[in-house]
Amino acid sequence: LAILFVHLVLAVEGLLWRAARVSSDVLVWLLGATSAWILAGVLDQPG
């Protein structure tokens, strides 16, 4: 989760730079944390 969170926050900052610049850091962190939790759950499923 820590690896996913850090890199998903950076991915948002890089790929969605215009939206990230006008958003608060907290919103970007929340998006990164939520996405990390969801994607880790998906990866954990068999196959």
ModelCIF file with pLDDT and N, C-alpha, C, O atoms, coordinates in Angstrom:
data_MODEL
#
_entry.id   MODEL 
#
_entity.id                         1 
_entity.type                       polymer 
_entity.pdbx_number_of_molecules   1 
#
_entity_poly.entity_id                      1 
_entity_poly.type                           'polypeptide(L)' 
_entity_poly.nstd_linkage                   no 
_entity_poly.nstd_monomer                   no 
_entity_poly.pdbx_seq_one_letter_code       LAILFVHLVLAVEGLLWRAARVSSDVLVWLLGATSAWILAGVLDQPG 
_entity_poly.pdbx_seq_one_letter_code_can   LAILFVHLVLAVEGLLWRAARVSSDVLVWLLGATSAWILAGVLDQPG 
_entity_poly.pdbx_strand_id                 A 
#
loop_
_entity_poly_seq.entity_id 
_entity_poly_seq.num 
_entity_poly_seq.mon_id 
_entity_poly_seq.hetero 
1 1  LEU n 
1 2  ALA n 
1 3  ILE n 
1 4  LEU n 
1 5  PHE n 
1 6  VAL n 
1 7  HIS n 
1 8  LEU n 
1 9  VAL n 
1 10 LEU n 
1 11 ALA n 
1 12 VAL n 
1 13 GLU n 
1 14 GLY n 
1 15 LEU n 
1 16 LEU n 
1 17 TRP n 
1 18 ARG n 
1 19 ALA n 
1 20 ALA n 
1 21 ARG n 
1 22 VAL n 
1 23 SER n 
1 24 SER n 
1 25 ASP n 
1 26 VAL n 
1 27 LEU n 
1 28 VAL n 
1 29 TRP n 
1 30 LEU n 
1 31 LEU n 
1 32 GLY n 
1 33 ALA n 
1 34 THR n 
1 35 SER n 
1 36 ALA n 
1 37 TRP n 
1 38 ILE n 
1 39 LEU n 
1 40 ALA n 
1 41 GLY n 
1 42 VAL n 
1 43 LEU n 
1 44 ASP n 
1 45 GLN n 
1 46 PRO n 
1 47 GLY n 
#
_struct_asym.id          A 
_struct_asym.entity_id   1 
#
loop_
_ma_qa_metric.id 
_ma_qa_metric.mode 
_ma_qa_metric.name 
_ma_qa_metric.software_group_id 
_ma_qa_metric.type 
1 global pLDDT . pLDDT 
2 local  pLDDT . pLDDT 
#
_ma_qa_metric_global.metric_id      1 
_ma_qa_metric_global.metric_value   87.66 
_ma_qa_metric_global.model_id       1 
_ma_qa_metric_global.ordinal_id     1 
#
loop_
_ma_qa_metric_local.label_asym_id 
_ma_qa_metric_local.label_comp_id 
_ma_qa_metric_local.label_seq_id 
_ma_qa_metric_local.metric_id 
_ma_qa_metric_local.metric_value 
_ma_qa_metric_local.model_id 
_ma_qa_metric_local.ordinal_id 
A LEU 1  2 96.00 1 1  
A ALA 2  2 96.00 1 2  
A ILE 3  2 97.00 1 3  
A LEU 4  2 97.00 1 4  
A PHE 5  2 96.00 1 5  
A VAL 6  2 96.00 1 6  
A HIS 7  2 96.00 1 7  
A LEU 8  2 95.00 1 8  
A VAL 9  2 95.00 1 9  
A LEU 10 2 95.00 1 10 
A ALA 11 2 94.00 1 11 
A VAL 12 2 92.00 1 12 
A GLU 13 2 90.00 1 13 
A GLY 14 2 88.00 1 14 
A LEU 15 2 88.00 1 15 
A LEU 16 2 83.00 1 16 
A TRP 17 2 68.00 1 17 
A ARG 18 2 59.00 1 18 
A ALA 19 2 61.00 1 19 
A ALA 20 2 57.00 1 20 
A ARG 21 2 61.00 1 21 
A VAL 22 2 56.00 1 22 
A SER 23 2 68.00 1 23 
A SER 24 2 72.00 1 24 
A ASP 25 2 81.00 1 25 
A VAL 26 2 86.00 1 26 
A LEU 27 2 89.00 1 27 
A VAL 28 2 90.00 1 28 
A TRP 29 2 92.00 1 29 
A LEU 30 2 93.00 1 30 
A LEU 31 2 92.00 1 31 
A GLY 32 2 93.00 1 32 
A ALA 33 2 95.00 1 33 
A THR 34 2 95.00 1 34 
A SER 35 2 95.00 1 35 
A ALA 36 2 95.00 1 36 
A TRP 37 2 96.00 1 37 
A ILE 38 2 96.00 1 38 
A LEU 39 2 95.00 1 39 
A ALA 40 2 94.00 1 40 
A GLY 41 2 94.00 1 41 
A VAL 42 2 95.00 1 42 
A LEU 43 2 94.00 1 43 
A ASP 44 2 92.00 1 44 
A GLN 45 2 93.00 1 45 
A PRO 46 2 91.00 1 46 
A GLY 47 2 88.00 1 47 
#
loop_
_atom_site.group_PDB 
_atom_site.id 
_atom_site.type_symbol 
_atom_site.label_atom_id 
_atom_site.label_alt_id 
_atom_site.label_comp_id 
_atom_site.label_asym_id 
_atom_site.label_entity_id 
_atom_site.label_seq_id 
_atom_site.pdbx_PDB_ins_code 
_atom_site.Cartn_x 
_atom_site.Cartn_y 
_atom_site.Cartn_z 
_atom_site.occupancy 
_atom_site.B_iso_or_equiv 
_atom_site.pdbx_formal_charge 
_atom_site.auth_seq_id 
_atom_site.auth_comp_id 
_atom_site.auth_asym_id 
_atom_site.auth_atom_id 
_atom_site.pdbx_PDB_model_num 
ATOM 1   N N  . LEU A 1 1  ? 0.823  -1.211  0.000   1.00 96.00 ? 1  LEU A N  1 
ATOM 2   C CA . LEU A 1 1  ? 0.000  0.000   0.000   1.00 96.00 ? 1  LEU A CA 1 
ATOM 3   C C  . LEU A 1 1  ? 0.858  1.263   0.000   1.00 96.00 ? 1  LEU A C  1 
ATOM 4   O O  . LEU A 1 1  ? 0.525  2.240   -0.670  1.00 96.00 ? 1  LEU A O  1 
ATOM 5   N N  . ALA A 1 2  ? 1.956  1.246   0.745   1.00 96.00 ? 2  ALA A N  1 
ATOM 6   C CA . ALA A 1 2  ? 2.843  2.409   0.779   1.00 96.00 ? 2  ALA A CA 1 
ATOM 7   C C  . ALA A 1 2  ? 3.452  2.667   -0.596  1.00 96.00 ? 2  ALA A C  1 
ATOM 8   O O  . ALA A 1 2  ? 3.509  3.811   -1.048  1.00 96.00 ? 2  ALA A O  1 
ATOM 9   N N  . ILE A 1 3  ? 3.907  1.606   -1.261  1.00 97.00 ? 3  ILE A N  1 
ATOM 10  C CA . ILE A 1 3  ? 4.484  1.753   -2.601  1.00 97.00 ? 3  ILE A CA 1 
ATOM 11  C C  . ILE A 1 3  ? 3.448  2.290   -3.572  1.00 97.00 ? 3  ILE A C  1 
ATOM 12  O O  . ILE A 1 3  ? 3.729  3.203   -4.348  1.00 97.00 ? 3  ILE A O  1 
ATOM 13  N N  . LEU A 1 4  ? 2.240  1.717   -3.528  1.00 97.00 ? 4  LEU A N  1 
ATOM 14  C CA . LEU A 1 4  ? 1.182  2.167   -4.428  1.00 97.00 ? 4  LEU A CA 1 
ATOM 15  C C  . LEU A 1 4  ? 0.799  3.614   -4.143  1.00 97.00 ? 4  LEU A C  1 
ATOM 16  O O  . LEU A 1 4  ? 0.638  4.407   -5.070  1.00 97.00 ? 4  LEU A O  1 
ATOM 17  N N  . PHE A 1 5  ? 0.652  3.964   -2.868  1.00 96.00 ? 5  PHE A N  1 
ATOM 18  C CA . PHE A 1 5  ? 0.244  5.323   -2.512  1.00 96.00 ? 5  PHE A CA 1 
ATOM 19  C C  . PHE A 1 5  ? 1.222  6.363   -3.042  1.00 96.00 ? 5  PHE A C  1 
ATOM 20  O O  . PHE A 1 5  ? 0.817  7.328   -3.689  1.00 96.00 ? 5  PHE A O  1 
ATOM 21  N N  . VAL A 1 6  ? 2.497  6.170   -2.770  1.00 96.00 ? 6  VAL A N  1 
ATOM 22  C CA . VAL A 1 6  ? 3.514  7.139   -3.196  1.00 96.00 ? 6  VAL A CA 1 
ATOM 23  C C  . VAL A 1 6  ? 3.492  7.314   -4.708  1.00 96.00 ? 6  VAL A C  1 
ATOM 24  O O  . VAL A 1 6  ? 3.506  8.439   -5.208  1.00 96.00 ? 6  VAL A O  1 
ATOM 25  N N  . HIS A 1 7  ? 3.458  6.210   -5.427  1.00 96.00 ? 7  HIS A N  1 
ATOM 26  C CA . HIS A 1 7  ? 3.565  6.304   -6.880  1.00 96.00 ? 7  HIS A CA 1 
ATOM 27  C C  . HIS A 1 7  ? 2.263  6.731   -7.540  1.00 96.00 ? 7  HIS A C  1 
ATOM 28  O O  . HIS A 1 7  ? 2.290  7.344   -8.607  1.00 96.00 ? 7  HIS A O  1 
ATOM 29  N N  . LEU A 1 8  ? 1.126  6.423   -6.931  1.00 95.00 ? 8  LEU A N  1 
ATOM 30  C CA . LEU A 1 8  ? -0.134 6.897   -7.487  1.00 95.00 ? 8  LEU A CA 1 
ATOM 31  C C  . LEU A 1 8  ? -0.291 8.401   -7.291  1.00 95.00 ? 8  LEU A C  1 
ATOM 32  O O  . LEU A 1 8  ? -0.811 9.086   -8.171  1.00 95.00 ? 8  LEU A O  1 
ATOM 33  N N  . VAL A 1 9  ? 0.148  8.917   -6.158  1.00 95.00 ? 9  VAL A N  1 
ATOM 34  C CA . VAL A 1 9  ? 0.139  10.370  -5.963  1.00 95.00 ? 9  VAL A CA 1 
ATOM 35  C C  . VAL A 1 9  ? 1.025  11.037  -7.019  1.00 95.00 ? 9  VAL A C  1 
ATOM 36  O O  . VAL A 1 9  ? 0.635  12.040  -7.618  1.00 95.00 ? 9  VAL A O  1 
ATOM 37  N N  . LEU A 1 10 ? 2.199  10.486  -7.241  1.00 95.00 ? 10 LEU A N  1 
ATOM 38  C CA . LEU A 1 10 ? 3.091  11.054  -8.250  1.00 95.00 ? 10 LEU A CA 1 
ATOM 39  C C  . LEU A 1 10 ? 2.502  10.931  -9.650  1.00 95.00 ? 10 LEU A C  1 
ATOM 40  O O  . LEU A 1 10 ? 2.657  11.836  -10.471 1.00 95.00 ? 10 LEU A O  1 
ATOM 41  N N  . ALA A 1 11 ? 1.820  9.808   -9.930  1.00 94.00 ? 11 ALA A N  1 
ATOM 42  C CA . ALA A 1 11 ? 1.194  9.639   -11.240 1.00 94.00 ? 11 ALA A CA 1 
ATOM 43  C C  . ALA A 1 11 ? 0.117  10.692  -11.469 1.00 94.00 ? 11 ALA A C  1 
ATOM 44  O O  . ALA A 1 11 ? 0.004  11.239  -12.566 1.00 94.00 ? 11 ALA A O  1 
ATOM 45  N N  . VAL A 1 12 ? -0.671 10.977  -10.443 1.00 92.00 ? 12 VAL A N  1 
ATOM 46  C CA . VAL A 1 12 ? -1.682 12.035  -10.557 1.00 92.00 ? 12 VAL A CA 1 
ATOM 47  C C  . VAL A 1 12 ? -1.013 13.375  -10.821 1.00 92.00 ? 12 VAL A C  1 
ATOM 48  O O  . VAL A 1 12 ? -1.450 14.139  -11.682 1.00 92.00 ? 12 VAL A O  1 
ATOM 49  N N  . GLU A 1 13 ? 0.046  13.655  -10.074 1.00 90.00 ? 13 GLU A N  1 
ATOM 50  C CA . GLU A 1 13 ? 0.761  14.923  -10.247 1.00 90.00 ? 13 GLU A CA 1 
ATOM 51  C C  . GLU A 1 13 ? 1.359  15.044  -11.646 1.00 90.00 ? 13 GLU A C  1 
ATOM 52  O O  . GLU A 1 13 ? 1.415  16.137  -12.211 1.00 90.00 ? 13 GLU A O  1 
ATOM 53  N N  . GLY A 1 14 ? 1.803  13.924  -12.198 1.00 88.00 ? 14 GLY A N  1 
ATOM 54  C CA . GLY A 1 14 ? 2.434  13.965  -13.504 1.00 88.00 ? 14 GLY A CA 1 
ATOM 55  C C  . GLY A 1 14 ? 1.456  13.908  -14.662 1.00 88.00 ? 14 GLY A C  1 
ATOM 56  O O  . GLY A 1 14 ? 1.535  14.720  -15.584 1.00 88.00 ? 14 GLY A O  1 
ATOM 57  N N  . LEU A 1 15 ? 0.526  12.947  -14.622 1.00 88.00 ? 15 LEU A N  1 
ATOM 58  C CA . LEU A 1 15 ? -0.392 12.746  -15.742 1.00 88.00 ? 15 LEU A CA 1 
ATOM 59  C C  . LEU A 1 15 ? -1.540 13.745  -15.752 1.00 88.00 ? 15 LEU A C  1 
ATOM 60  O O  . LEU A 1 15 ? -2.020 14.136  -16.815 1.00 88.00 ? 15 LEU A O  1 
ATOM 61  N N  . LEU A 1 16 ? -1.977 14.156  -14.571 1.00 83.00 ? 16 LEU A N  1 
ATOM 62  C CA . LEU A 1 16 ? -3.090 15.107  -14.465 1.00 83.00 ? 16 LEU A CA 1 
ATOM 63  C C  . LEU A 1 16 ? -2.591 16.416  -13.870 1.00 83.00 ? 16 LEU A C  1 
ATOM 64  O O  . LEU A 1 16 ? -3.207 16.971  -12.961 1.00 83.00 ? 16 LEU A O  1 
ATOM 65  N N  . TRP A 1 17 ? -1.464 16.904  -14.395 1.00 68.00 ? 17 TRP A N  1 
ATOM 66  C CA . TRP A 1 17 ? -0.785 18.029  -13.754 1.00 68.00 ? 17 TRP A CA 1 
ATOM 67  C C  . TRP A 1 17 ? -1.647 19.275  -13.665 1.00 68.00 ? 17 TRP A C  1 
ATOM 68  O O  . TRP A 1 17 ? -1.564 20.002  -12.675 1.00 68.00 ? 17 TRP A O  1 
ATOM 69  N N  . ARG A 1 18 ? -2.467 19.540  -14.662 1.00 59.00 ? 18 ARG A N  1 
ATOM 70  C CA . ARG A 1 18 ? -3.288 20.751  -14.616 1.00 59.00 ? 18 ARG A CA 1 
ATOM 71  C C  . ARG A 1 18 ? -4.324 20.665  -13.501 1.00 59.00 ? 18 ARG A C  1 
ATOM 72  O O  . ARG A 1 18 ? -4.522 21.621  -12.752 1.00 59.00 ? 18 ARG A O  1 
ATOM 73  N N  . ALA A 1 19 ? -4.986 19.507  -13.397 1.00 61.00 ? 19 ALA A N  1 
ATOM 74  C CA . ALA A 1 19 ? -5.983 19.332  -12.337 1.00 61.00 ? 19 ALA A CA 1 
ATOM 75  C C  . ALA A 1 19 ? -5.320 19.310  -10.963 1.00 61.00 ? 19 ALA A C  1 
ATOM 76  O O  . ALA A 1 19 ? -5.854 19.858  -9.999  1.00 61.00 ? 19 ALA A O  1 
ATOM 77  N N  . ALA A 1 20 ? -4.146 18.672  -10.881 1.00 57.00 ? 20 ALA A N  1 
ATOM 78  C CA . ALA A 1 20 ? -3.456 18.574  -9.591  1.00 57.00 ? 20 ALA A CA 1 
ATOM 79  C C  . ALA A 1 20 ? -3.002 19.943  -9.100  1.00 57.00 ? 20 ALA A C  1 
ATOM 80  O O  . ALA A 1 20 ? -2.997 20.201  -7.896  1.00 57.00 ? 20 ALA A O  1 
ATOM 81  N N  . ARG A 1 21 ? -2.620 20.825  -10.028 1.00 61.00 ? 21 ARG A N  1 
ATOM 82  C CA . ARG A 1 21 ? -2.127 22.145  -9.636  1.00 61.00 ? 21 ARG A CA 1 
ATOM 83  C C  . ARG A 1 21 ? -3.224 22.996  -8.988  1.00 61.00 ? 21 ARG A C  1 
ATOM 84  O O  . ARG A 1 21 ? -2.940 23.810  -8.110  1.00 61.00 ? 21 ARG A O  1 
ATOM 85  N N  . VAL A 1 22 ? -4.486 22.806  -9.425  1.00 56.00 ? 22 VAL A N  1 
ATOM 86  C CA . VAL A 1 22 ? -5.569 23.613  -8.871  1.00 56.00 ? 22 VAL A CA 1 
ATOM 87  C C  . VAL A 1 22 ? -6.286 22.911  -7.721  1.00 56.00 ? 22 VAL A C  1 
ATOM 88  O O  . VAL A 1 22 ? -7.200 23.483  -7.126  1.00 56.00 ? 22 VAL A O  1 
ATOM 89  N N  . SER A 1 23 ? -5.887 21.687  -7.401  1.00 68.00 ? 23 SER A N  1 
ATOM 90  C CA . SER A 1 23 ? -6.469 20.945  -6.282  1.00 68.00 ? 23 SER A CA 1 
ATOM 91  C C  . SER A 1 23 ? -5.570 21.086  -5.055  1.00 68.00 ? 23 SER A C  1 
ATOM 92  O O  . SER A 1 23 ? -4.389 21.413  -5.170  1.00 68.00 ? 23 SER A O  1 
ATOM 93  N N  . SER A 1 24 ? -6.140 20.838  -3.895  1.00 72.00 ? 24 SER A N  1 
ATOM 94  C CA . SER A 1 24 ? -5.325 20.860  -2.682  1.00 72.00 ? 24 SER A CA 1 
ATOM 95  C C  . SER A 1 24 ? -4.521 19.570  -2.592  1.00 72.00 ? 24 SER A C  1 
ATOM 96  O O  . SER A 1 24 ? -4.911 18.537  -3.135  1.00 72.00 ? 24 SER A O  1 
ATOM 97  N N  . ASP A 1 25 ? -3.393 19.650  -1.899  1.00 81.00 ? 25 ASP A N  1 
ATOM 98  C CA . ASP A 1 25 ? -2.573 18.454  -1.720  1.00 81.00 ? 25 ASP A CA 1 
ATOM 99  C C  . ASP A 1 25 ? -3.354 17.347  -1.035  1.00 81.00 ? 25 ASP A C  1 
ATOM 100 O O  . ASP A 1 25 ? -3.192 16.172  -1.366  1.00 81.00 ? 25 ASP A O  1 
ATOM 101 N N  . VAL A 1 26 ? -4.200 17.716  -0.083  1.00 86.00 ? 26 VAL A N  1 
ATOM 102 C CA . VAL A 1 26 ? -4.952 16.711  0.661   1.00 86.00 ? 26 VAL A CA 1 
ATOM 103 C C  . VAL A 1 26 ? -5.861 15.902  -0.259  1.00 86.00 ? 26 VAL A C  1 
ATOM 104 O O  . VAL A 1 26 ? -5.982 14.687  -0.099  1.00 86.00 ? 26 VAL A O  1 
ATOM 105 N N  . LEU A 1 27 ? -6.504 16.571  -1.225  1.00 89.00 ? 27 LEU A N  1 
ATOM 106 C CA . LEU A 1 27 ? -7.370 15.856  -2.159  1.00 89.00 ? 27 LEU A CA 1 
ATOM 107 C C  . LEU A 1 27 ? -6.576 14.871  -3.014  1.00 89.00 ? 27 LEU A C  1 
ATOM 108 O O  . LEU A 1 27 ? -7.024 13.753  -3.271  1.00 89.00 ? 27 LEU A O  1 
ATOM 109 N N  . VAL A 1 28 ? -5.395 15.299  -3.450  1.00 90.00 ? 28 VAL A N  1 
ATOM 110 C CA . VAL A 1 28 ? -4.549 14.409  -4.245  1.00 90.00 ? 28 VAL A CA 1 
ATOM 111 C C  . VAL A 1 28 ? -4.098 13.219  -3.402  1.00 90.00 ? 28 VAL A C  1 
ATOM 112 O O  . VAL A 1 28 ? -4.067 12.088  -3.888  1.00 90.00 ? 28 VAL A O  1 
ATOM 113 N N  . TRP A 1 29 ? -3.748 13.473  -2.134  1.00 92.00 ? 29 TRP A N  1 
ATOM 114 C CA . TRP A 1 29 ? -3.338 12.375  -1.250  1.00 92.00 ? 29 TRP A CA 1 
ATOM 115 C C  . TRP A 1 29 ? -4.492 11.409  -1.006  1.00 92.00 ? 29 TRP A C  1 
ATOM 116 O O  . TRP A 1 29 ? -4.290 10.195  -0.989  1.00 92.00 ? 29 TRP A O  1 
ATOM 117 N N  . LEU A 1 30 ? -5.697 11.937  -0.818  1.00 93.00 ? 30 LEU A N  1 
ATOM 118 C CA . LEU A 1 30 ? -6.864 11.083  -0.608  1.00 93.00 ? 30 LEU A CA 1 
ATOM 119 C C  . LEU A 1 30 ? -7.140 10.233  -1.849  1.00 93.00 ? 30 LEU A C  1 
ATOM 120 O O  . LEU A 1 30 ? -7.469 9.051   -1.739  1.00 93.00 ? 30 LEU A O  1 
ATOM 121 N N  . LEU A 1 31 ? -7.005 10.837  -3.021  1.00 92.00 ? 31 LEU A N  1 
ATOM 122 C CA . LEU A 1 31 ? -7.186 10.082  -4.259  1.00 92.00 ? 31 LEU A CA 1 
ATOM 123 C C  . LEU A 1 31 ? -6.141 8.977   -4.366  1.00 92.00 ? 31 LEU A C  1 
ATOM 124 O O  . LEU A 1 31 ? -6.455 7.851   -4.752  1.00 92.00 ? 31 LEU A O  1 
ATOM 125 N N  . GLY A 1 32 ? -4.896 9.305   -4.022  1.00 93.00 ? 32 GLY A N  1 
ATOM 126 C CA . GLY A 1 32 ? -3.844 8.298   -4.076  1.00 93.00 ? 32 GLY A CA 1 
ATOM 127 C C  . GLY A 1 32 ? -4.075 7.172   -3.097  1.00 93.00 ? 32 GLY A C  1 
ATOM 128 O O  . GLY A 1 32 ? -3.889 6.004   -3.439  1.00 93.00 ? 32 GLY A O  1 
ATOM 129 N N  . ALA A 1 33 ? -4.480 7.507   -1.873  1.00 95.00 ? 33 ALA A N  1 
ATOM 130 C CA . ALA A 1 33 ? -4.714 6.484   -0.847  1.00 95.00 ? 33 ALA A CA 1 
ATOM 131 C C  . ALA A 1 33 ? -5.891 5.598   -1.219  1.00 95.00 ? 33 ALA A C  1 
ATOM 132 O O  . ALA A 1 33 ? -5.815 4.376   -1.082  1.00 95.00 ? 33 ALA A O  1 
ATOM 133 N N  . THR A 1 34 ? -6.986 6.206   -1.692  1.00 95.00 ? 34 THR A N  1 
ATOM 134 C CA . THR A 1 34 ? -8.160 5.426   -2.072  1.00 95.00 ? 34 THR A CA 1 
ATOM 135 C C  . THR A 1 34 ? -7.858 4.512   -3.249  1.00 95.00 ? 34 THR A C  1 
ATOM 136 O O  . THR A 1 34 ? -8.238 3.341   -3.249  1.00 95.00 ? 34 THR A O  1 
ATOM 137 N N  . SER A 1 35 ? -7.177 5.047   -4.245  1.00 95.00 ? 35 SER A N  1 
ATOM 138 C CA . SER A 1 35 ? -6.821 4.245   -5.417  1.00 95.00 ? 35 SER A CA 1 
ATOM 139 C C  . SER A 1 35 ? -5.884 3.102   -5.041  1.00 95.00 ? 35 SER A C  1 
ATOM 140 O O  . SER A 1 35 ? -6.022 1.990   -5.552  1.00 95.00 ? 35 SER A O  1 
ATOM 141 N N  . ALA A 1 36 ? -4.928 3.373   -4.147  1.00 95.00 ? 36 ALA A N  1 
ATOM 142 C CA . ALA A 1 36 ? -3.997 2.335   -3.709  1.00 95.00 ? 36 ALA A CA 1 
ATOM 143 C C  . ALA A 1 36 ? -4.749 1.197   -3.027  1.00 95.00 ? 36 ALA A C  1 
ATOM 144 O O  . ALA A 1 36 ? -4.471 0.024   -3.279  1.00 95.00 ? 36 ALA A O  1 
ATOM 145 N N  . TRP A 1 37 ? -5.703 1.545   -2.163  1.00 96.00 ? 37 TRP A N  1 
ATOM 146 C CA . TRP A 1 37 ? -6.471 0.526   -1.433  1.00 96.00 ? 37 TRP A CA 1 
ATOM 147 C C  . TRP A 1 37 ? -7.302 -0.325  -2.403  1.00 96.00 ? 37 TRP A C  1 
ATOM 148 O O  . TRP A 1 37 ? -7.348 -1.549  -2.285  1.00 96.00 ? 37 TRP A O  1 
ATOM 149 N N  . ILE A 1 38 ? -7.950 0.337   -3.354  1.00 96.00 ? 38 ILE A N  1 
ATOM 150 C CA . ILE A 1 38 ? -8.801 -0.385  -4.312  1.00 96.00 ? 38 ILE A CA 1 
ATOM 151 C C  . ILE A 1 38 ? -7.963 -1.282  -5.217  1.00 96.00 ? 38 ILE A C  1 
ATOM 152 O O  . ILE A 1 38 ? -8.300 -2.449  -5.420  1.00 96.00 ? 38 ILE A O  1 
ATOM 153 N N  . LEU A 1 39 ? -6.878 -0.744  -5.757  1.00 95.00 ? 39 LEU A N  1 
ATOM 154 C CA . LEU A 1 39 ? -6.057 -1.529  -6.678  1.00 95.00 ? 39 LEU A CA 1 
ATOM 155 C C  . LEU A 1 39 ? -5.354 -2.687  -5.980  1.00 95.00 ? 39 LEU A C  1 
ATOM 156 O O  . LEU A 1 39 ? -5.192 -3.757  -6.567  1.00 95.00 ? 39 LEU A O  1 
ATOM 157 N N  . ALA A 1 40 ? -4.938 -2.483  -4.736  1.00 94.00 ? 40 ALA A N  1 
ATOM 158 C CA . ALA A 1 40 ? -4.339 -3.597  -3.986  1.00 94.00 ? 40 ALA A CA 1 
ATOM 159 C C  . ALA A 1 40 ? -5.364 -4.708  -3.791  1.00 94.00 ? 40 ALA A C  1 
ATOM 160 O O  . ALA A 1 40 ? -5.028 -5.889  -3.884  1.00 94.00 ? 40 ALA A O  1 
ATOM 161 N N  . GLY A 1 41 ? -6.614 -4.335  -3.522  1.00 94.00 ? 41 GLY A N  1 
ATOM 162 C CA . GLY A 1 41 ? -7.667 -5.332  -3.378  1.00 94.00 ? 41 GLY A CA 1 
ATOM 163 C C  . GLY A 1 41 ? -7.913 -6.090  -4.664  1.00 94.00 ? 41 GLY A C  1 
ATOM 164 O O  . GLY A 1 41 ? -8.157 -7.297  -4.640  1.00 94.00 ? 41 GLY A O  1 
ATOM 165 N N  . VAL A 1 42 ? -7.852 -5.390  -5.790  1.00 95.00 ? 42 VAL A N  1 
ATOM 166 C CA . VAL A 1 42 ? -8.039 -6.043  -7.088  1.00 95.00 ? 42 VAL A CA 1 
ATOM 167 C C  . VAL A 1 42 ? -6.894 -7.016  -7.366  1.00 95.00 ? 42 VAL A C  1 
ATOM 168 O O  . VAL A 1 42 ? -7.122 -8.149  -7.790  1.00 95.00 ? 42 VAL A O  1 
ATOM 169 N N  . LEU A 1 43 ? -5.665 -6.566  -7.126  1.00 94.00 ? 43 LEU A N  1 
ATOM 170 C CA . LEU A 1 43 ? -4.505 -7.426  -7.373  1.00 94.00 ? 43 LEU A CA 1 
ATOM 171 C C  . LEU A 1 43 ? -4.507 -8.668  -6.488  1.00 94.00 ? 43 LEU A C  1 
ATOM 172 O O  . LEU A 1 43 ? -4.000 -9.718  -6.883  1.00 94.00 ? 43 LEU A O  1 
ATOM 173 N N  . ASP A 1 44 ? -5.076 -8.546  -5.297  1.00 92.00 ? 44 ASP A N  1 
ATOM 174 C CA . ASP A 1 44 ? -5.090 -9.670  -4.368  1.00 92.00 ? 44 ASP A CA 1 
ATOM 175 C C  . ASP A 1 44 ? -6.009 -10.807 -4.821  1.00 92.00 ? 44 ASP A C  1 
ATOM 176 O O  . ASP A 1 44 ? -5.883 -11.934 -4.344  1.00 92.00 ? 44 ASP A O  1 
ATOM 177 N N  . GLN A 1 45 ? -6.928 -10.513 -5.740  1.00 93.00 ? 45 GLN A N  1 
ATOM 178 C CA . GLN A 1 45 ? -7.847 -11.551 -6.204  1.00 93.00 ? 45 GLN A CA 1 
ATOM 179 C C  . GLN A 1 45 ? -7.085 -12.594 -7.026  1.00 93.00 ? 45 GLN A C  1 
ATOM 180 O O  . GLN A 1 45 ? -6.182 -12.236 -7.782  1.00 93.00 ? 45 GLN A O  1 
ATOM 181 N N  . PRO A 1 46 ? -7.435 -13.883 -6.891  1.00 91.00 ? 46 PRO A N  1 
ATOM 182 C CA . PRO A 1 46 ? -6.733 -14.937 -7.633  1.00 91.00 ? 46 PRO A CA 1 
ATOM 183 C C  . PRO A 1 46 ? -6.701 -14.660 -9.136  1.00 91.00 ? 46 PRO A C  1 
ATOM 184 O O  . PRO A 1 46 ? -7.723 -14.343 -9.745  1.00 91.00 ? 46 PRO A O  1 
ATOM 185 N N  . GLY A 1 47 ? -5.524 -14.785 -9.712  1.00 88.00 ? 47 GLY A N  1 
ATOM 186 C CA . GLY A 1 47 ? -5.368 -14.600 -11.140 1.00 88.00 ? 47 GLY A CA 1 
ATOM 187 C C  . GLY A 1 47 ? -5.201 -13.166 -11.593 1.00 88.00 ? 47 GLY A C  1 
ATOM 188 O O  . GLY A 1 47 ? -5.062 -12.909 -12.788 1.00 88.00 ? 47 GLY A O  1 
#
